[in-house]
Amino acid sequence: MKKFLVALGTIVVLFAGYAVYTIARPFVLHTELEIDARPEQVWKVLADRQAYPEWNPFIISSTGELTVGNTITNVLRDTDGKETTFSPELLAVVPNKELRWIGKVAFGGVFDGEHAFRLEALPDGRTRLIQEETFRGVAVPFTHSMLMKTIKPQFIAMNQAVATRATR
């Protein structure tokens, strides 16, 4: 019985250390694109979520009020055509600057993603659109390849679609 308890204690300590490590060392998908439109024009495209089904290849549906603390519902489509519905909590809604939310799988700490759209004003009425997601949790190290293959290309496709819509 003593050996069993020592083994069990060792497993618990190792798992706890692994969990802390994966939360402290996030995996970040980062994309950005310079757009020939002012931040107000780009924000208008991002905030008009009713129109997402018309043009957005990645977030094909997004509903709920854009107010910090609210939960919205998003439907994502990856490069394989797989759709995923999730309900993140809004962390920041700053018109013409930032839209950010956090989504969690299960109770949190398993697979959490903090998604952000940031708009930076550039000279000559241009905007840098930054779309990134910071992933944390014990399942994240096992998903790097999948995220790079099926999600990052969708960030890039959405950025381009935002640019096209904002400049028309």
N, C-alpha and C. Protein backbone atom coordinates (compact mmCIF):
# COMPACT_ATOMS: atom_id res chain seq x y z
N MET A 1 0.83 -1.19 0.00
CA MET A 1 0.00 0.00 0.00
C MET A 1 0.88 1.26 0.00
N LYS A 2 1.99 1.21 0.75
CA LYS A 2 2.87 2.37 0.83
C LYS A 2 3.46 2.69 -0.55
N LYS A 3 3.87 1.66 -1.31
CA LYS A 3 4.42 1.88 -2.65
C LYS A 3 3.37 2.47 -3.57
N PHE A 4 2.14 1.99 -3.43
CA PHE A 4 1.06 2.51 -4.25
C PHE A 4 0.85 4.00 -3.98
N LEU A 5 0.82 4.39 -2.72
CA LEU A 5 0.63 5.79 -2.37
C LEU A 5 1.79 6.66 -2.84
N VAL A 6 3.01 6.15 -2.76
CA VAL A 6 4.17 6.89 -3.26
C VAL A 6 4.06 7.06 -4.78
N ALA A 7 3.69 6.00 -5.48
CA ALA A 7 3.54 6.06 -6.93
C ALA A 7 2.42 7.04 -7.31
N LEU A 8 1.32 6.95 -6.61
CA LEU A 8 0.19 7.84 -6.88
C LEU A 8 0.59 9.30 -6.61
N GLY A 9 1.28 9.53 -5.51
CA GLY A 9 1.75 10.88 -5.18
C GLY A 9 2.70 11.41 -6.24
N THR A 10 3.57 10.57 -6.74
CA THR A 10 4.51 10.96 -7.79
C THR A 10 3.77 11.35 -9.06
N ILE A 11 2.78 10.56 -9.43
CA ILE A 11 1.98 10.85 -10.62
C ILE A 11 1.25 12.18 -10.46
N VAL A 12 0.67 12.40 -9.30
CA VAL A 12 -0.05 13.66 -9.06
C VAL A 12 0.89 14.85 -9.15
N VAL A 13 2.07 14.74 -8.56
CA VAL A 13 3.05 15.84 -8.60
C VAL A 13 3.51 16.08 -10.04
N LEU A 14 3.80 15.01 -10.79
CA LEU A 14 4.21 15.17 -12.18
C LEU A 14 3.12 15.82 -13.02
N PHE A 15 1.89 15.38 -12.85
CA PHE A 15 0.79 15.96 -13.62
C PHE A 15 0.59 17.42 -13.25
N ALA A 16 0.65 17.74 -11.98
CA ALA A 16 0.50 19.14 -11.54
C ALA A 16 1.61 20.00 -12.13
N GLY A 17 2.83 19.50 -12.13
CA GLY A 17 3.95 20.25 -12.72
C GLY A 17 3.75 20.45 -14.21
N TYR A 18 3.29 19.41 -14.89
CA TYR A 18 3.02 19.50 -16.32
C TYR A 18 1.92 20.53 -16.59
N ALA A 19 0.87 20.52 -15.79
CA ALA A 19 -0.23 21.46 -15.96
C ALA A 19 0.25 22.89 -15.78
N VAL A 20 1.04 23.15 -14.77
CA VAL A 20 1.57 24.49 -14.54
C VAL A 20 2.46 24.91 -15.70
N TYR A 21 3.29 23.99 -16.18
CA TYR A 21 4.19 24.27 -17.30
C TYR A 21 3.40 24.66 -18.55
N THR A 22 2.35 23.89 -18.88
CA THR A 22 1.60 24.16 -20.11
C THR A 22 0.80 25.46 -20.00
N ILE A 23 0.38 25.83 -18.82
CA ILE A 23 -0.34 27.08 -18.65
C ILE A 23 0.62 28.26 -18.69
N ALA A 24 1.81 28.08 -18.13
CA ALA A 24 2.80 29.16 -18.10
C ALA A 24 3.48 29.38 -19.44
N ARG A 25 3.49 28.37 -20.31
CA ARG A 25 4.16 28.48 -21.62
C ARG A 25 3.13 28.31 -22.73
N PRO A 26 2.44 29.38 -23.08
CA PRO A 26 1.37 29.27 -24.07
C PRO A 26 1.91 29.07 -25.49
N PHE A 27 1.03 28.62 -26.35
CA PHE A 27 1.29 28.51 -27.78
C PHE A 27 0.49 29.61 -28.46
N VAL A 28 1.14 30.42 -29.29
CA VAL A 28 0.49 31.58 -29.90
C VAL A 28 0.47 31.44 -31.42
N LEU A 29 -0.73 31.59 -31.99
CA LEU A 29 -0.87 31.74 -33.44
C LEU A 29 -1.00 33.23 -33.69
N HIS A 30 -0.15 33.78 -34.54
CA HIS A 30 -0.13 35.22 -34.78
C HIS A 30 -0.13 35.49 -36.28
N THR A 31 -1.05 36.36 -36.71
CA THR A 31 -1.07 36.80 -38.10
C THR A 31 -1.32 38.30 -38.10
N GLU A 32 -0.88 38.95 -39.16
CA GLU A 32 -1.19 40.36 -39.31
C GLU A 32 -1.18 40.72 -40.79
N LEU A 33 -1.89 41.80 -41.08
CA LEU A 33 -2.02 42.25 -42.46
C LEU A 33 -2.24 43.76 -42.45
N GLU A 34 -1.55 44.46 -43.34
CA GLU A 34 -1.79 45.89 -43.51
C GLU A 34 -2.90 46.08 -44.54
N ILE A 35 -3.86 46.91 -44.18
CA ILE A 35 -5.06 47.11 -44.98
C ILE A 35 -5.14 48.57 -45.40
N ASP A 36 -5.52 48.81 -46.65
CA ASP A 36 -5.69 50.16 -47.18
C ASP A 36 -7.05 50.73 -46.78
N ALA A 37 -7.28 50.81 -45.49
CA ALA A 37 -8.52 51.37 -44.96
C ALA A 37 -8.24 51.84 -43.53
N ARG A 38 -9.01 52.84 -43.11
CA ARG A 38 -8.86 53.37 -41.75
C ARG A 38 -9.37 52.35 -40.72
N PRO A 39 -8.88 52.42 -39.47
CA PRO A 39 -9.36 51.50 -38.43
C PRO A 39 -10.89 51.49 -38.29
N GLU A 40 -11.54 52.63 -38.49
CA GLU A 40 -13.00 52.69 -38.38
C GLU A 40 -13.67 51.81 -39.43
N GLN A 41 -13.10 51.77 -40.62
CA GLN A 41 -13.66 50.93 -41.69
C GLN A 41 -13.45 49.45 -41.38
N VAL A 42 -12.27 49.12 -40.87
CA VAL A 42 -11.96 47.72 -40.54
C VAL A 42 -12.83 47.27 -39.37
N TRP A 43 -12.99 48.14 -38.37
CA TRP A 43 -13.82 47.80 -37.21
C TRP A 43 -15.26 47.55 -37.66
N LYS A 44 -15.75 48.37 -38.57
CA LYS A 44 -17.12 48.21 -39.05
C LYS A 44 -17.33 46.81 -39.62
N VAL A 45 -16.34 46.31 -40.34
CA VAL A 45 -16.42 44.96 -40.91
C VAL A 45 -16.42 43.91 -39.79
N LEU A 46 -15.50 44.06 -38.83
CA LEU A 46 -15.42 43.09 -37.72
C LEU A 46 -16.67 43.10 -36.85
N ALA A 47 -17.22 44.28 -36.61
CA ALA A 47 -18.36 44.40 -35.71
C ALA A 47 -19.69 44.00 -36.36
N ASP A 48 -19.75 43.99 -37.68
CA ASP A 48 -20.98 43.60 -38.38
C ASP A 48 -21.03 42.08 -38.51
N ARG A 49 -21.28 41.44 -37.40
CA ARG A 49 -21.22 39.97 -37.37
C ARG A 49 -22.40 39.31 -38.06
N GLN A 50 -23.48 40.04 -38.26
CA GLN A 50 -24.61 39.48 -39.02
C GLN A 50 -24.22 39.18 -40.46
N ALA A 51 -23.24 39.92 -40.97
CA ALA A 51 -22.80 39.74 -42.36
C ALA A 51 -21.73 38.65 -42.50
N TYR A 52 -21.21 38.11 -41.40
CA TYR A 52 -20.15 37.11 -41.48
C TYR A 52 -20.45 35.97 -42.46
N PRO A 53 -21.67 35.43 -42.48
CA PRO A 53 -21.92 34.32 -43.41
C PRO A 53 -21.70 34.69 -44.88
N GLU A 54 -21.79 35.98 -45.21
CA GLU A 54 -21.62 36.43 -46.59
C GLU A 54 -20.17 36.40 -47.06
N TRP A 55 -19.23 36.59 -46.13
CA TRP A 55 -17.85 36.81 -46.58
C TRP A 55 -16.78 36.11 -45.74
N ASN A 56 -17.09 35.72 -44.53
CA ASN A 56 -16.05 35.25 -43.61
C ASN A 56 -15.79 33.74 -43.77
N PRO A 57 -14.61 33.35 -44.19
CA PRO A 57 -14.31 31.93 -44.39
C PRO A 57 -14.00 31.18 -43.09
N PHE A 58 -13.77 31.91 -42.00
CA PHE A 58 -13.34 31.30 -40.75
C PHE A 58 -14.45 31.33 -39.69
N ILE A 59 -14.88 32.51 -39.29
CA ILE A 59 -15.98 32.64 -38.32
C ILE A 59 -17.23 32.81 -39.16
N ILE A 60 -17.93 31.72 -39.37
CA ILE A 60 -19.05 31.75 -40.31
C ILE A 60 -20.34 32.23 -39.65
N SER A 61 -20.33 32.33 -38.33
CA SER A 61 -21.48 32.86 -37.60
C SER A 61 -20.99 33.38 -36.26
N SER A 62 -21.54 34.52 -35.84
CA SER A 62 -21.21 35.08 -34.53
C SER A 62 -22.41 35.86 -34.03
N THR A 63 -22.93 35.46 -32.87
CA THR A 63 -24.11 36.12 -32.33
C THR A 63 -23.88 36.48 -30.87
N GLY A 64 -24.67 37.43 -30.40
CA GLY A 64 -24.57 37.90 -29.03
C GLY A 64 -24.07 39.34 -29.00
N GLU A 65 -24.45 40.05 -27.96
CA GLU A 65 -24.11 41.46 -27.84
C GLU A 65 -22.63 41.66 -27.53
N LEU A 66 -22.00 42.59 -28.27
CA LEU A 66 -20.58 42.88 -28.07
C LEU A 66 -20.40 43.82 -26.87
N THR A 67 -20.48 43.23 -25.68
CA THR A 67 -20.29 43.96 -24.43
C THR A 67 -19.36 43.14 -23.55
N VAL A 68 -18.35 43.79 -22.99
CA VAL A 68 -17.40 43.09 -22.12
C VAL A 68 -18.15 42.32 -21.04
N GLY A 69 -17.75 41.07 -20.84
CA GLY A 69 -18.38 40.20 -19.86
C GLY A 69 -19.47 39.32 -20.43
N ASN A 70 -20.02 39.69 -21.60
CA ASN A 70 -21.05 38.88 -22.24
C ASN A 70 -20.43 37.64 -22.87
N THR A 71 -21.28 36.65 -23.05
CA THR A 71 -20.91 35.44 -23.78
C THR A 71 -21.53 35.56 -25.17
N ILE A 72 -20.72 35.28 -26.18
CA ILE A 72 -21.21 35.25 -27.55
C ILE A 72 -21.13 33.81 -28.04
N THR A 73 -21.73 33.54 -29.18
CA THR A 73 -21.66 32.20 -29.76
C THR A 73 -21.06 32.33 -31.15
N ASN A 74 -19.97 31.62 -31.37
CA ASN A 74 -19.27 31.62 -32.66
C ASN A 74 -19.29 30.23 -33.26
N VAL A 75 -19.40 30.19 -34.58
CA VAL A 75 -19.24 28.94 -35.32
C VAL A 75 -18.02 29.14 -36.22
N LEU A 76 -17.01 28.29 -36.03
CA LEU A 76 -15.77 28.36 -36.80
C LEU A 76 -15.74 27.24 -37.82
N ARG A 77 -15.06 27.51 -38.94
CA ARG A 77 -14.84 26.47 -39.95
C ARG A 77 -13.34 26.38 -40.18
N ASP A 78 -12.77 25.19 -39.98
CA ASP A 78 -11.34 25.01 -40.21
C ASP A 78 -11.07 24.67 -41.68
N THR A 79 -9.81 24.46 -42.02
CA THR A 79 -9.45 24.19 -43.42
C THR A 79 -9.97 22.85 -43.91
N ASP A 80 -10.32 21.96 -43.00
CA ASP A 80 -10.89 20.67 -43.38
C ASP A 80 -12.41 20.75 -43.56
N GLY A 81 -12.98 21.94 -43.32
CA GLY A 81 -14.43 22.12 -43.43
C GLY A 81 -15.18 21.75 -42.17
N LYS A 82 -14.46 21.36 -41.13
CA LYS A 82 -15.10 20.99 -39.87
C LYS A 82 -15.57 22.25 -39.16
N GLU A 83 -16.82 22.23 -38.69
CA GLU A 83 -17.38 23.37 -37.97
C GLU A 83 -17.41 23.08 -36.48
N THR A 84 -17.06 24.10 -35.71
CA THR A 84 -17.05 24.00 -34.26
C THR A 84 -17.80 25.19 -33.69
N THR A 85 -18.71 24.94 -32.78
CA THR A 85 -19.46 26.00 -32.11
C THR A 85 -18.93 26.13 -30.69
N PHE A 86 -18.67 27.36 -30.29
CA PHE A 86 -18.24 27.59 -28.91
C PHE A 86 -18.75 28.94 -28.45
N SER A 87 -18.76 29.12 -27.15
CA SER A 87 -19.32 30.34 -26.55
C SER A 87 -18.30 30.99 -25.63
N PRO A 88 -17.47 31.86 -26.21
CA PRO A 88 -16.45 32.54 -25.40
C PRO A 88 -17.01 33.76 -24.66
N GLU A 89 -16.27 34.17 -23.66
CA GLU A 89 -16.60 35.38 -22.90
C GLU A 89 -15.80 36.55 -23.46
N LEU A 90 -16.48 37.67 -23.68
CA LEU A 90 -15.81 38.86 -24.20
C LEU A 90 -14.97 39.53 -23.11
N LEU A 91 -13.69 39.74 -23.43
CA LEU A 91 -12.76 40.37 -22.50
C LEU A 91 -12.51 41.84 -22.84
N ALA A 92 -12.59 42.19 -24.12
CA ALA A 92 -12.36 43.58 -24.54
C ALA A 92 -13.17 43.87 -25.79
N VAL A 93 -13.86 45.00 -25.77
CA VAL A 93 -14.58 45.51 -26.93
C VAL A 93 -14.28 47.01 -26.97
N VAL A 94 -13.26 47.37 -27.73
CA VAL A 94 -12.83 48.77 -27.84
C VAL A 94 -12.95 49.15 -29.31
N PRO A 95 -14.04 49.85 -29.68
CA PRO A 95 -14.24 50.18 -31.09
C PRO A 95 -13.00 50.81 -31.72
N ASN A 96 -12.72 50.33 -32.94
CA ASN A 96 -11.61 50.80 -33.76
C ASN A 96 -10.24 50.40 -33.22
N LYS A 97 -10.20 49.58 -32.15
CA LYS A 97 -8.93 49.18 -31.54
C LYS A 97 -8.81 47.68 -31.28
N GLU A 98 -9.78 47.09 -30.56
CA GLU A 98 -9.59 45.71 -30.11
C GLU A 98 -10.92 45.00 -29.86
N LEU A 99 -10.94 43.72 -30.25
CA LEU A 99 -12.01 42.78 -29.91
C LEU A 99 -11.31 41.53 -29.43
N ARG A 100 -11.63 41.11 -28.18
CA ARG A 100 -10.90 39.97 -27.58
C ARG A 100 -11.86 39.16 -26.73
N TRP A 101 -11.68 37.82 -26.81
CA TRP A 101 -12.50 36.91 -26.00
C TRP A 101 -11.66 35.74 -25.54
N ILE A 102 -12.22 34.98 -24.58
CA ILE A 102 -11.58 33.74 -24.14
C ILE A 102 -12.61 32.62 -24.18
N GLY A 103 -12.16 31.51 -24.79
CA GLY A 103 -12.97 30.31 -24.83
C GLY A 103 -12.24 29.21 -24.07
N LYS A 104 -13.00 28.39 -23.37
CA LYS A 104 -12.40 27.31 -22.56
C LYS A 104 -13.10 26.00 -22.86
N VAL A 105 -12.30 24.94 -22.90
CA VAL A 105 -12.84 23.60 -23.02
C VAL A 105 -12.96 23.04 -21.62
N ALA A 106 -14.10 22.47 -21.34
CA ALA A 106 -14.40 21.91 -20.03
C ALA A 106 -14.35 23.02 -18.98
N PHE A 107 -13.63 22.81 -17.91
CA PHE A 107 -13.62 23.73 -16.78
C PHE A 107 -12.46 24.72 -16.82
N GLY A 108 -11.70 24.72 -17.86
CA GLY A 108 -10.55 25.63 -17.97
C GLY A 108 -9.28 24.91 -17.57
N GLY A 109 -8.18 25.30 -18.19
CA GLY A 109 -6.89 24.67 -17.92
C GLY A 109 -6.63 23.45 -18.78
N VAL A 110 -7.63 23.01 -19.54
CA VAL A 110 -7.47 21.87 -20.44
C VAL A 110 -7.04 22.38 -21.81
N PHE A 111 -7.84 23.30 -22.36
CA PHE A 111 -7.55 23.90 -23.66
C PHE A 111 -8.27 25.23 -23.71
N ASP A 112 -7.56 26.29 -23.36
CA ASP A 112 -8.13 27.63 -23.33
C ASP A 112 -7.51 28.45 -24.45
N GLY A 113 -8.35 29.23 -25.13
CA GLY A 113 -7.86 30.08 -26.19
C GLY A 113 -8.34 31.50 -26.01
N GLU A 114 -7.38 32.43 -25.94
CA GLU A 114 -7.72 33.85 -25.87
C GLU A 114 -7.46 34.45 -27.25
N HIS A 115 -8.55 34.80 -27.92
CA HIS A 115 -8.50 35.27 -29.31
C HIS A 115 -8.58 36.78 -29.32
N ALA A 116 -7.79 37.41 -30.19
CA ALA A 116 -7.79 38.87 -30.26
C ALA A 116 -7.71 39.35 -31.69
N PHE A 117 -8.44 40.41 -31.95
CA PHE A 117 -8.30 41.22 -33.15
C PHE A 117 -7.86 42.59 -32.66
N ARG A 118 -6.72 43.05 -33.11
CA ARG A 118 -6.24 44.38 -32.74
C ARG A 118 -6.03 45.19 -34.00
N LEU A 119 -6.44 46.44 -33.94
CA LEU A 119 -6.30 47.35 -35.06
C LEU A 119 -5.33 48.46 -34.68
N GLU A 120 -4.30 48.63 -35.49
CA GLU A 120 -3.31 49.69 -35.27
C GLU A 120 -3.37 50.66 -36.43
N ALA A 121 -3.60 51.94 -36.12
CA ALA A 121 -3.61 52.96 -37.16
C ALA A 121 -2.21 53.15 -37.70
N LEU A 122 -2.11 53.21 -39.03
CA LEU A 122 -0.84 53.43 -39.72
C LEU A 122 -0.93 54.74 -40.50
N PRO A 123 0.20 55.26 -40.94
CA PRO A 123 0.17 56.49 -41.75
C PRO A 123 -0.67 56.29 -43.03
N ASP A 124 -1.13 57.39 -43.56
CA ASP A 124 -1.88 57.40 -44.83
C ASP A 124 -3.20 56.66 -44.76
N GLY A 125 -3.83 56.64 -43.57
CA GLY A 125 -5.16 56.04 -43.44
C GLY A 125 -5.21 54.53 -43.55
N ARG A 126 -4.08 53.90 -43.30
CA ARG A 126 -4.01 52.43 -43.36
C ARG A 126 -4.17 51.85 -41.96
N THR A 127 -4.38 50.55 -41.90
CA THR A 127 -4.57 49.85 -40.62
C THR A 127 -3.79 48.55 -40.63
N ARG A 128 -3.14 48.25 -39.53
CA ARG A 128 -2.56 46.91 -39.33
C ARG A 128 -3.59 46.11 -38.54
N LEU A 129 -4.06 45.03 -39.15
CA LEU A 129 -4.97 44.10 -38.49
C LEU A 129 -4.12 42.96 -37.94
N ILE A 130 -4.19 42.78 -36.64
CA ILE A 130 -3.49 41.67 -35.98
C ILE A 130 -4.57 40.72 -35.47
N GLN A 131 -4.48 39.48 -35.89
CA GLN A 131 -5.36 38.44 -35.37
C GLN A 131 -4.46 37.37 -34.77
N GLU A 132 -4.70 37.10 -33.49
CA GLU A 132 -3.89 36.08 -32.84
C GLU A 132 -4.70 35.36 -31.77
N GLU A 133 -4.21 34.19 -31.42
CA GLU A 133 -4.82 33.44 -30.34
C GLU A 133 -3.71 32.83 -29.50
N THR A 134 -3.88 32.99 -28.19
CA THR A 134 -2.95 32.44 -27.22
C THR A 134 -3.62 31.24 -26.58
N PHE A 135 -3.03 30.07 -26.79
CA PHE A 135 -3.57 28.82 -26.27
C PHE A 135 -2.81 28.39 -25.03
N ARG A 136 -3.56 28.00 -24.01
CA ARG A 136 -2.98 27.48 -22.77
C ARG A 136 -3.75 26.23 -22.34
N GLY A 137 -3.07 25.33 -21.64
CA GLY A 137 -3.76 24.17 -21.09
C GLY A 137 -3.00 22.88 -21.35
N VAL A 138 -3.41 21.86 -20.64
CA VAL A 138 -2.69 20.59 -20.68
C VAL A 138 -2.80 19.89 -22.03
N ALA A 139 -3.85 20.17 -22.81
CA ALA A 139 -4.01 19.51 -24.11
C ALA A 139 -3.29 20.25 -25.24
N VAL A 140 -2.88 21.48 -24.99
CA VAL A 140 -2.31 22.31 -26.06
C VAL A 140 -1.06 21.72 -26.71
N PRO A 141 -0.09 21.19 -25.95
CA PRO A 141 1.11 20.66 -26.62
C PRO A 141 0.81 19.56 -27.65
N PHE A 142 -0.31 18.90 -27.51
CA PHE A 142 -0.67 17.83 -28.44
C PHE A 142 -1.40 18.34 -29.68
N THR A 143 -1.65 19.66 -29.75
CA THR A 143 -2.45 20.21 -30.84
C THR A 143 -1.69 21.19 -31.73
N HIS A 144 -0.42 21.46 -31.46
CA HIS A 144 0.35 22.45 -32.24
C HIS A 144 0.22 22.22 -33.74
N SER A 145 0.48 21.02 -34.18
CA SER A 145 0.47 20.71 -35.61
C SER A 145 -0.91 20.95 -36.21
N MET A 146 -1.94 20.48 -35.53
CA MET A 146 -3.31 20.65 -36.01
C MET A 146 -3.66 22.13 -36.09
N LEU A 147 -3.29 22.91 -35.08
CA LEU A 147 -3.60 24.34 -35.08
C LEU A 147 -2.89 25.06 -36.24
N MET A 148 -1.65 24.69 -36.48
CA MET A 148 -0.90 25.32 -37.57
C MET A 148 -1.51 24.95 -38.94
N LYS A 149 -1.99 23.72 -39.06
CA LYS A 149 -2.49 23.22 -40.34
C LYS A 149 -3.93 23.65 -40.62
N THR A 150 -4.79 23.65 -39.61
CA THR A 150 -6.22 23.86 -39.88
C THR A 150 -6.77 25.20 -39.39
N ILE A 151 -6.06 25.87 -38.49
CA ILE A 151 -6.58 27.13 -37.95
C ILE A 151 -5.80 28.35 -38.45
N LYS A 152 -4.48 28.31 -38.41
CA LYS A 152 -3.71 29.48 -38.84
C LYS A 152 -4.04 29.89 -40.28
N PRO A 153 -4.17 28.96 -41.22
CA PRO A 153 -4.55 29.38 -42.57
C PRO A 153 -5.91 30.10 -42.61
N GLN A 154 -6.79 29.72 -41.70
CA GLN A 154 -8.09 30.39 -41.64
C GLN A 154 -7.98 31.81 -41.09
N PHE A 155 -7.05 32.03 -40.15
CA PHE A 155 -6.77 33.40 -39.70
C PHE A 155 -6.35 34.24 -40.90
N ILE A 156 -5.42 33.71 -41.68
CA ILE A 156 -4.89 34.44 -42.85
C ILE A 156 -6.01 34.71 -43.86
N ALA A 157 -6.84 33.70 -44.11
CA ALA A 157 -7.95 33.86 -45.06
C ALA A 157 -8.95 34.90 -44.56
N MET A 158 -9.23 34.89 -43.27
CA MET A 158 -10.17 35.87 -42.72
C MET A 158 -9.57 37.28 -42.80
N ASN A 159 -8.30 37.41 -42.46
CA ASN A 159 -7.65 38.73 -42.54
C ASN A 159 -7.79 39.29 -43.95
N GLN A 160 -7.53 38.45 -44.95
CA GLN A 160 -7.63 38.90 -46.34
C GLN A 160 -9.07 39.27 -46.69
N ALA A 161 -10.01 38.48 -46.20
CA ALA A 161 -11.42 38.77 -46.47
C ALA A 161 -11.86 40.07 -45.80
N VAL A 162 -11.36 40.34 -44.59
CA VAL A 162 -11.64 41.62 -43.92
C VAL A 162 -11.10 42.76 -44.77
N ALA A 163 -9.88 42.61 -45.25
CA ALA A 163 -9.25 43.66 -46.07
C ALA A 163 -10.06 43.92 -47.34
N THR A 164 -10.48 42.86 -47.99
CA THR A 164 -11.27 43.00 -49.21
C THR A 164 -12.57 43.74 -48.93
N ARG A 165 -13.24 43.36 -47.87
CA ARG A 165 -14.53 43.97 -47.53
C ARG A 165 -14.36 45.42 -47.06
N ALA A 166 -13.30 45.71 -46.33
CA ALA A 166 -13.08 47.06 -45.80
C ALA A 166 -12.67 48.05 -46.88
N THR A 167 -12.14 47.55 -47.99
CA THR A 167 -11.66 48.45 -49.04
C THR A 167 -12.59 48.53 -50.24
N ARG A 168 -13.74 47.88 -50.15
CA ARG A 168 -14.64 47.92 -51.32
C ARG A 168 -15.51 49.16 -51.31
